[in-house]
Amino acid sequence: MKYLLWLAVLALIIFIIGVKRGRPREPEVRSKPPSPKAADAPQAMLRCAECGMHLPADESLPGKGGVFCSAGHRNSFEAREGRG
């Protein structure tokens, strides 16, 4: 009977240690919450003047005929429009 009691106490200690190790740590408390980044805010979608693909405004390239998805499309559009 005495050994059964010691076995139960030992099992309880091992269980408590296992539960504490498996629990994720709490994040550090910060003085103020992090501010939302500008990248998280919605952006306007613009259409490439050459191929018509829509892309975010911060990824577009400005050109003489509008905005473009790549430098190659900007160059081909401006070359074609310059001849016309």
C-alpha atoms as a PDB file:
ATOM      1  CA  MET A   1       0.000   0.000   0.000  1.00  0.00           C
ATOM      2  CA  LYS A   2       2.851   2.371   0.846  1.00  0.00           C
ATOM      3  CA  TYR A   3       4.467   1.774  -2.580  1.00  0.00           C
ATOM      4  CA  LEU A   4       1.180   2.438  -4.349  1.00  0.00           C
ATOM      5  CA  LEU A   5       0.922   5.847  -2.660  1.00  0.00           C
ATOM      6  CA  TRP A   6       4.501   6.758  -3.674  1.00  0.00           C
ATOM      7  CA  LEU A   7       3.790   5.599  -7.223  1.00  0.00           C
ATOM      8  CA  ALA A   8       0.678   7.818  -7.391  1.00  0.00           C
ATOM      9  CA  VAL A   9       2.598  10.869  -6.084  1.00  0.00           C
ATOM     10  CA  LEU A  10       5.396  10.265  -8.582  1.00  0.00           C
ATOM     11  CA  ALA A  11       2.890   9.895 -11.452  1.00  0.00           C
ATOM     12  CA  LEU A  12       1.215  13.155 -10.404  1.00  0.00           C
ATOM     13  CA  ILE A  13       4.542  15.020 -10.389  1.00  0.00           C
ATOM     14  CA  ILE A  14       5.473  13.654 -13.824  1.00  0.00           C
ATOM     15  CA  PHE A  15       2.019  14.613 -15.164  1.00  0.00           C
ATOM     16  CA  ILE A  16       2.301  18.194 -13.867  1.00  0.00           C
ATOM     17  CA  ILE A  17       5.795  18.624 -15.350  1.00  0.00           C
ATOM     18  CA  GLY A  18       4.582  17.255 -18.704  1.00  0.00           C
ATOM     19  CA  VAL A  19       1.607  19.622 -18.803  1.00  0.00           C
ATOM     20  CA  LYS A  20       3.795  22.651 -18.075  1.00  0.00           C
ATOM     21  CA  ARG A  21       6.294  21.714 -20.796  1.00  0.00           C
ATOM     22  CA  GLY A  22       3.580  21.174 -23.391  1.00  0.00           C
ATOM     23  CA  ARG A  23       1.896  24.509 -22.761  1.00  0.00           C
ATOM     24  CA  PRO A  24       3.020  27.344 -25.088  1.00  0.00           C
ATOM     25  CA  ARG A  25       4.691  30.266 -23.409  1.00  0.00           C
ATOM     26  CA  GLU A  26       2.767  33.456 -22.963  1.00  0.00           C
ATOM     27  CA  PRO A  27       3.990  36.382 -25.089  1.00  0.00           C
ATOM     28  CA  GLU A  28       5.846  39.202 -23.412  1.00  0.00           C
ATOM     29  CA  VAL A  29       3.658  42.027 -22.199  1.00  0.00           C
ATOM     30  CA  ARG A  30       4.227  45.160 -24.257  1.00  0.00           C
ATOM     31  CA  SER A  31       3.513  48.681 -23.125  1.00  0.00           C
ATOM     32  CA  LYS A  32       1.449  49.508 -26.231  1.00  0.00           C
ATOM     33  CA  PRO A  33       0.027  47.363 -29.012  1.00  0.00           C
ATOM     34  CA  PRO A  34       1.933  47.258 -32.301  1.00  0.00           C
ATOM     35  CA  SER A  35       0.689  49.722 -34.882  1.00  0.00           C
ATOM     36  CA  PRO A  36      -0.762  48.319 -38.108  1.00  0.00           C
ATOM     37  CA  LYS A  37       1.664  48.398 -41.015  1.00  0.00           C
ATOM     38  CA  ALA A  38       0.918  50.248 -44.226  1.00  0.00           C
ATOM     39  CA  ALA A  39       1.310  46.937 -46.093  1.00  0.00           C
ATOM     40  CA  ASP A  40      -1.709  45.571 -44.220  1.00  0.00           C
ATOM     41  CA  ALA A  41      -3.953  48.340 -45.525  1.00  0.00           C
ATOM     42  CA  PRO A  42      -5.878  47.693 -48.750  1.00  0.00           C
ATOM     43  CA  GLN A  43      -4.290  49.083 -51.887  1.00  0.00           C
ATOM     44  CA  ALA A  44      -5.725  50.276 -55.165  1.00  0.00           C
ATOM     45  CA  MET A  45      -5.434  47.778 -58.016  1.00  0.00           C
ATOM     46  CA  LEU A  46      -4.223  49.224 -61.314  1.00  0.00           C
ATOM     47  CA  ARG A  47      -4.445  47.748 -64.815  1.00  0.00           C
ATOM     48  CA  CYS A  48      -1.348  47.326 -66.991  1.00  0.00           C
ATOM     49  CA  ALA A  49      -1.790  49.365 -70.181  1.00  0.00           C
ATOM     50  CA  GLU A  50      -0.031  46.644 -72.233  1.00  0.00           C
ATOM     51  CA  CYS A  51      -1.440  43.300 -71.081  1.00  0.00           C
ATOM     52  CA  GLY A  52      -4.397  44.304 -68.891  1.00  0.00           C
ATOM     53  CA  MET A  53      -3.189  42.443 -65.793  1.00  0.00           C
ATOM     54  CA  HIS A  54      -4.278  43.992 -62.489  1.00  0.00           C
ATOM     55  CA  LEU A  55      -1.588  44.609 -59.878  1.00  0.00           C
ATOM     56  CA  PRO A  56      -1.237  46.580 -56.616  1.00  0.00           C
ATOM     57  CA  ALA A  57      -0.402  50.249 -56.976  1.00  0.00           C
ATOM     58  CA  ASP A  58       2.926  49.927 -55.142  1.00  0.00           C
ATOM     59  CA  GLU A  59       4.142  47.259 -57.613  1.00  0.00           C
ATOM     60  CA  SER A  60       3.198  49.156 -60.796  1.00  0.00           C
ATOM     61  CA  LEU A  61       5.641  51.084 -62.984  1.00  0.00           C
ATOM     62  CA  PRO A  62       4.532  54.490 -64.303  1.00  0.00           C
ATOM     63  CA  GLY A  63       5.026  55.286 -67.965  1.00  0.00           C
ATOM     64  CA  LYS A  64       3.931  57.694 -70.700  1.00  0.00           C
ATOM     65  CA  GLY A  65       0.833  55.676 -71.548  1.00  0.00           C
ATOM     66  CA  GLY A  66      -0.295  54.683 -68.060  1.00  0.00           C
ATOM     67  CA  VAL A  67       0.977  52.130 -65.573  1.00  0.00           C
ATOM     68  CA  PHE A  68       2.657  48.832 -66.399  1.00  0.00           C
ATOM     69  CA  CYS A  69       3.393  45.496 -64.745  1.00  0.00           C
ATOM     70  CA  SER A  70       7.002  45.327 -65.990  1.00  0.00           C
ATOM     71  CA  ALA A  71       9.675  47.404 -67.676  1.00  0.00           C
ATOM     72  CA  GLY A  72       9.401  45.226 -70.786  1.00  0.00           C
ATOM     73  CA  HIS A  73       5.715  46.007 -71.188  1.00  0.00           C
ATOM     74  CA  ARG A  74       6.371  49.706 -70.609  1.00  0.00           C
ATOM     75  CA  ASN A  75       9.115  49.723 -73.278  1.00  0.00           C
ATOM     76  CA  SER A  76       7.064  47.800 -75.856  1.00  0.00           C
ATOM     77  CA  PHE A  77       4.001  50.006 -75.307  1.00  0.00           C
ATOM     78  CA  GLU A  78       5.976  53.238 -75.587  1.00  0.00           C
ATOM     79  CA  ALA A  79       7.814  52.001 -78.692  1.00  0.00           C
ATOM     80  CA  ARG A  80       4.547  50.990 -80.382  1.00  0.00           C
ATOM     81  CA  GLU A  81       2.738  54.215 -79.433  1.00  0.00           C
ATOM     82  CA  GLY A  82       5.717  56.354 -80.503  1.00  0.00           C
ATOM     83  CA  ARG A  83       5.512  54.963 -84.070  1.00  0.00           C
ATOM     84  CA  GLY A  84       1.781  55.413 -84.422  1.00  0.00           C
END
